[in-house]
């Protein structure tokens, strides 16, 4: 392709009107395509909080205690021995021991313990966009003939 500088109204294919090398510079403007990538938001779904009640069995160990009466035998004191030998009567009477035990007392109580909120968290990802772009190239052709 010959690059020529033509005046308005002149035929660019006519070699008589071709620009001389010393005239104005011949030029063309190259163009190329570039990617313009924009983003748009779209609704992808909804998230809701819904509170409801479920029942689940709970097993918890608790230690309980109870008292039992045990007979403890001890040797008599020297005073008690002497009283028996002297013929005195041994004191008669009763003694009582109160026994206790613990029993579980179970109640349920409702207590607030946690707040649950929904928040939108931005998660970014990278995608590769592939596209074919066109570019203009410029080649230079000349009609020069080799000198003899």
Protein backbone atom coordinates (compact mmCIF):
# COMPACT_ATOMS: atom_id res chain seq x y z
CA UNK A 1 0.00 0.00 0.00
CA UNK A 2 1.47 3.31 -1.03
CA UNK A 3 1.19 6.14 1.44
CA UNK A 4 0.31 9.30 -0.40
CA UNK A 5 -0.54 12.84 0.53
CA UNK A 6 -3.27 14.13 -1.75
CA UNK A 7 -4.87 17.50 -2.00
CA UNK A 8 -8.67 17.73 -1.97
CA UNK A 9 -10.18 16.91 -5.33
CA UNK A 10 -7.10 15.04 -6.56
CA UNK A 11 -7.11 11.39 -7.36
CA UNK A 12 -4.80 9.61 -4.95
CA UNK A 13 -4.23 6.82 -7.48
CA UNK A 14 -2.73 9.24 -10.03
CA UNK A 15 1.07 9.02 -9.72
CA UNK A 16 1.42 12.63 -10.93
CA UNK A 17 -0.14 13.85 -7.71
CA UNK A 18 1.93 11.69 -5.34
CA UNK A 19 3.59 13.61 -2.55
CA UNK A 20 7.26 14.24 -3.00
CA UNK A 21 9.59 13.08 -0.23
CA UNK A 22 10.44 16.69 0.66
CA UNK A 23 6.77 17.74 1.05
CA UNK A 24 4.74 17.49 4.27
CA UNK A 25 5.10 14.30 6.31
CA UNK A 26 2.66 11.58 5.35
CA UNK A 27 0.84 10.02 8.31
CA UNK A 28 -2.05 7.81 9.28
CA UNK A 29 -3.74 7.33 12.61
CA UNK A 30 -3.78 3.80 13.98
CA UNK A 31 -6.67 2.54 16.04
CA UNK A 32 -7.01 -0.45 18.30
CA UNK A 33 -9.68 -1.91 20.49
CA UNK A 34 -9.29 -1.95 24.23
CA UNK A 35 -11.31 -3.74 26.87
CA UNK A 36 -13.58 -1.64 29.01
CA UNK A 37 -14.81 -3.79 31.86
CA UNK A 38 -17.51 -2.39 34.10
CA UNK A 39 -19.23 -4.03 37.03
CA UNK A 40 -22.87 -4.21 37.88
CA UNK A 41 -24.57 -5.56 40.97
CA UNK A 42 -27.35 -8.05 40.78
CA UNK A 43 -29.46 -9.59 43.50
CA UNK A 44 -28.25 -13.13 44.14
CA UNK A 45 -30.51 -14.05 47.01
CA UNK A 46 -31.79 -13.08 50.41
CA UNK A 47 -30.89 -14.07 53.95
CA UNK A 48 -33.39 -13.99 56.81
CA UNK A 49 -33.25 -14.59 60.51
CA UNK A 50 -36.03 -16.82 61.80
CA UNK A 51 -36.19 -17.78 65.44
CA UNK A 52 -37.96 -20.93 66.61
CA UNK A 53 -37.88 -23.30 69.58
CA UNK A 54 -36.61 -26.86 69.61
CA UNK A 55 -36.51 -29.31 72.49
CA UNK A 56 -33.50 -31.44 73.08
CA UNK A 57 -32.68 -33.83 75.90
CA UNK A 58 -30.02 -32.72 78.36
CA UNK A 59 -28.06 -35.02 80.59
CA UNK A 60 -26.13 -33.55 83.46
CA UNK A 61 -24.60 -35.34 86.40
CA UNK A 62 -25.25 -34.01 89.87
CA UNK A 63 -23.74 -35.26 93.11
CA UNK A 64 -26.27 -35.94 95.85
CA UNK A 65 -25.52 -36.94 99.42
CA UNK A 66 -27.34 -38.80 102.12
CA UNK A 67 -26.44 -39.68 105.69
CA UNK A 68 -26.64 -43.16 107.11
CA UNK A 69 -26.45 -44.15 110.74
CA UNK A 70 -23.47 -46.27 111.62
CA UNK A 71 -22.83 -47.81 114.98
CA UNK A 72 -19.43 -46.93 116.34
CA UNK A 73 -18.21 -48.95 119.30
CA UNK A 74 -15.51 -47.52 121.58
CA UNK A 75 -14.04 -48.78 124.80
CA UNK A 76 -15.62 -47.40 127.97
CA UNK A 77 -13.85 -44.77 129.94
CA UNK A 78 -12.19 -45.53 133.26
CA UNK A 79 -14.89 -43.52 135.04
CA UNK A 80 -17.63 -45.64 133.46
CA UNK A 81 -15.78 -48.84 134.44
CA UNK A 82 -15.43 -47.75 138.06
CA UNK A 83 -19.11 -46.80 138.23
CA UNK A 84 -20.11 -50.28 137.12
CA UNK A 85 -17.77 -51.90 139.65
CA UNK A 86 -19.10 -49.69 142.44
CA UNK A 87 -22.59 -50.93 141.68
CA UNK A 88 -23.87 -47.62 140.55
CA UNK A 89 -26.32 -47.73 137.83
CA UNK A 90 -25.23 -46.76 134.44
CA UNK A 91 -27.09 -43.83 133.06
CA UNK A 92 -30.01 -44.86 130.93
CA UNK A 93 -31.41 -42.71 128.19
CA UNK A 94 -31.85 -42.14 124.58
CA UNK A 95 -29.90 -40.25 122.05
CA UNK A 96 -31.10 -39.33 118.66
CA UNK A 97 -29.28 -38.55 115.47
CA UNK A 98 -31.01 -36.66 112.67
CA UNK A 99 -30.07 -37.92 109.20
CA UNK A 100 -30.18 -35.75 106.09
CA UNK A 101 -30.04 -36.29 102.38
CA UNK A 102 -29.98 -33.97 99.40
CA UNK A 103 -32.49 -34.25 96.60
CA UNK A 104 -32.32 -32.59 93.21
CA UNK A 105 -34.62 -29.65 92.66
CA UNK A 106 -34.90 -29.05 88.93
CA UNK A 107 -36.18 -25.85 87.36
CA UNK A 108 -35.81 -24.32 83.96
CA UNK A 109 -35.05 -20.68 83.54
CA UNK A 110 -35.02 -18.61 80.37
CA UNK A 111 -31.97 -16.37 80.10
CA UNK A 112 -30.69 -14.22 77.24
CA UNK A 113 -27.23 -15.33 76.17
CA UNK A 114 -26.46 -14.31 72.59
CA UNK A 115 -27.42 -11.80 69.91
CA UNK A 116 -27.55 -13.07 66.32
CA UNK A 117 -27.28 -10.55 63.51
CA UNK A 118 -27.04 -10.76 59.75
CA UNK A 119 -24.39 -8.69 58.03
CA UNK A 120 -23.36 -8.69 54.40
CA UNK A 121 -19.71 -9.60 54.02
CA UNK A 122 -17.94 -8.65 50.82
CA UNK A 123 -16.04 -11.57 49.32
CA UNK A 124 -13.85 -10.75 46.35
CA UNK A 125 -12.79 -13.11 43.63
CA UNK A 126 -10.72 -12.68 40.52
CA UNK A 127 -11.99 -13.79 37.14
CA UNK A 128 -10.05 -13.86 33.90
CA UNK A 129 -11.82 -12.10 31.04
CA UNK A 130 -10.79 -13.33 27.60
CA UNK A 131 -11.70 -11.39 24.46
CA UNK A 132 -10.25 -10.97 20.98
CA UNK A 133 -9.29 -7.38 20.23
CA UNK A 134 -8.57 -5.88 16.83
CA UNK A 135 -5.67 -3.52 16.16
CA UNK A 136 -4.72 -1.62 13.08
CA UNK A 137 -1.24 -2.14 11.73
CA UNK A 138 0.53 0.00 9.17
CA UNK A 139 2.70 -1.46 6.42
CA UNK A 140 4.73 0.63 4.03
CA UNK A 141 4.93 -0.17 0.32
CA UNK A 142 7.08 1.61 -2.17
CA UNK A 143 7.26 1.58 -5.94
CA UNK A 144 10.96 2.15 -5.98
CA UNK A 145 12.88 0.26 -8.61
CA UNK A 146 16.41 -0.81 -8.03
CA UNK A 147 19.01 1.46 -9.67
CA UNK A 148 21.01 0.00 -12.59
